[in-house]
């Protein structure tokens, strides 16, 4: 069974190294991480992790007045990896909140 977790991160570099293996330990098989407006090295670290196959990382440009979370969720729904997973979890809290409660859990759809 494949479970994808979709989340948005911004300036979360101190938490990522712990968060990625935690997600795997709770059963998440695929991570889809969207970032925007990072002022630290979050994007660089996520790019390295993506290059090593630990996750999928997308840097999104968010126009003023648009929610980065909702923009990411809309994009994730169309993402090819989401379509082959059995379950999708939208992580409303990011890497700073390891013990999170999923915002949305939904089975695969056509």
Protein backbone atom coordinates (compact mmCIF):
# COMPACT_ATOMS: atom_id res chain seq x y z
CA UNK A 1 0.00 0.00 0.00
CA UNK A 2 1.30 3.45 -0.91
CA UNK A 3 0.51 6.45 1.27
CA UNK A 4 1.50 9.94 0.18
CA UNK A 5 1.74 12.85 2.61
CA UNK A 6 1.44 16.31 1.12
CA UNK A 7 2.66 19.31 3.08
CA UNK A 8 3.87 22.86 2.75
CA UNK A 9 7.03 24.05 4.47
CA UNK A 10 8.64 27.41 4.95
CA UNK A 11 11.88 27.98 6.87
CA UNK A 12 11.73 24.55 8.48
CA UNK A 13 15.31 23.34 8.06
CA UNK A 14 15.92 22.53 11.77
CA UNK A 15 13.07 20.01 11.73
CA UNK A 16 13.36 18.29 8.35
CA UNK A 17 16.09 15.76 9.22
CA UNK A 18 13.94 14.38 12.04
CA UNK A 19 10.60 14.74 10.26
CA UNK A 20 11.40 12.75 7.09
CA UNK A 21 12.24 9.46 8.90
CA UNK A 22 9.35 10.02 11.32
CA UNK A 23 6.92 10.10 8.42
CA UNK A 24 8.36 6.84 7.11
CA UNK A 25 8.10 5.26 10.56
CA UNK A 26 4.38 5.99 10.74
CA UNK A 27 3.76 4.38 7.36
CA UNK A 28 4.06 7.18 4.82
CA UNK A 29 5.71 5.80 1.70
CA UNK A 30 5.92 9.02 -0.33
CA UNK A 31 6.40 12.65 0.68
CA UNK A 32 5.34 15.54 -1.55
CA UNK A 33 6.67 18.78 -0.11
CA UNK A 34 5.82 22.24 -1.41
CA UNK A 35 7.82 25.26 -0.27
CA UNK A 36 7.47 28.98 -0.77
CA UNK A 37 9.41 32.09 0.22
CA UNK A 38 12.08 30.29 2.28
CA UNK A 39 14.68 32.59 3.84
CA UNK A 40 16.89 29.76 5.10
CA UNK A 41 18.34 26.65 3.46
CA UNK A 42 15.10 24.64 3.57
CA UNK A 43 14.89 24.51 -0.24
CA UNK A 44 18.51 23.41 -0.54
CA UNK A 45 18.10 20.59 1.99
CA UNK A 46 14.85 19.40 0.41
CA UNK A 47 16.50 19.42 -3.02
CA UNK A 48 19.30 17.19 -1.73
CA UNK A 49 16.77 14.83 -0.14
CA UNK A 50 14.74 14.78 -3.37
CA UNK A 51 17.86 13.99 -5.39
CA UNK A 52 18.43 10.99 -3.10
CA UNK A 53 14.84 9.77 -3.50
CA UNK A 54 13.69 10.57 0.04
CA UNK A 55 10.86 12.87 -1.09
CA UNK A 56 9.48 15.01 -3.90
CA UNK A 57 10.08 18.75 -3.58
CA UNK A 58 8.36 21.55 -5.45
CA UNK A 59 9.15 25.24 -4.97
CA UNK A 60 5.97 27.16 -5.64
CA UNK A 61 5.51 30.82 -6.41
CA UNK A 62 2.55 32.12 -4.46
CA UNK A 63 0.88 35.35 -5.55
CA UNK A 64 -0.08 37.84 -2.85
CA UNK A 65 -3.43 37.06 -1.31
CA UNK A 66 -3.31 33.35 -2.24
CA UNK A 67 -3.00 30.63 0.40
CA UNK A 68 0.18 28.59 -0.21
CA UNK A 69 -1.45 25.60 1.48
CA UNK A 70 -4.51 25.55 -0.76
CA UNK A 71 -2.42 26.21 -3.85
CA UNK A 72 -0.22 23.22 -2.93
CA UNK A 73 -3.21 20.95 -2.27
CA UNK A 74 -4.73 21.81 -5.64
CA UNK A 75 -1.44 21.09 -7.39
CA UNK A 76 -0.88 17.89 -5.40
CA UNK A 77 -4.25 16.51 -6.44
CA UNK A 78 -3.04 16.62 -10.06
CA UNK A 79 0.47 15.34 -9.29
CA UNK A 80 1.13 11.97 -11.01
CA UNK A 81 2.51 10.32 -7.86
CA UNK A 82 -0.69 11.09 -5.93
CA UNK A 83 -2.68 9.27 -8.57
CA UNK A 84 -0.83 5.97 -8.03
CA UNK A 85 -0.98 6.07 -4.24
CA UNK A 86 -3.72 4.26 -2.35
CA UNK A 87 -4.13 7.01 0.26
CA UNK A 88 -3.28 10.71 0.45
CA UNK A 89 -2.77 12.62 3.68
CA UNK A 90 -2.66 16.40 3.68
CA UNK A 91 -0.47 17.46 6.57
CA UNK A 92 -1.84 20.77 7.84
CA UNK A 93 0.96 21.06 10.37
CA UNK A 94 4.45 20.94 9.02
CA UNK A 95 7.74 19.45 10.15
CA UNK A 96 7.64 21.62 13.27
CA UNK A 97 4.72 19.56 14.55
CA UNK A 98 5.73 15.94 14.22
CA UNK A 99 2.76 14.54 16.13
CA UNK A 100 0.19 15.94 13.72
CA UNK A 101 -3.40 15.14 12.96
CA UNK A 102 -4.10 14.77 9.23
CA UNK A 103 -6.30 17.48 7.72
CA UNK A 104 -7.57 15.27 4.91
CA UNK A 105 -7.37 11.54 4.34
CA UNK A 106 -8.73 10.34 1.04
CA UNK A 107 -8.52 7.18 -1.01
CA UNK A 108 -7.32 7.00 -4.58
CA UNK A 109 -9.72 8.32 -7.18
CA UNK A 110 -9.94 8.06 -10.92
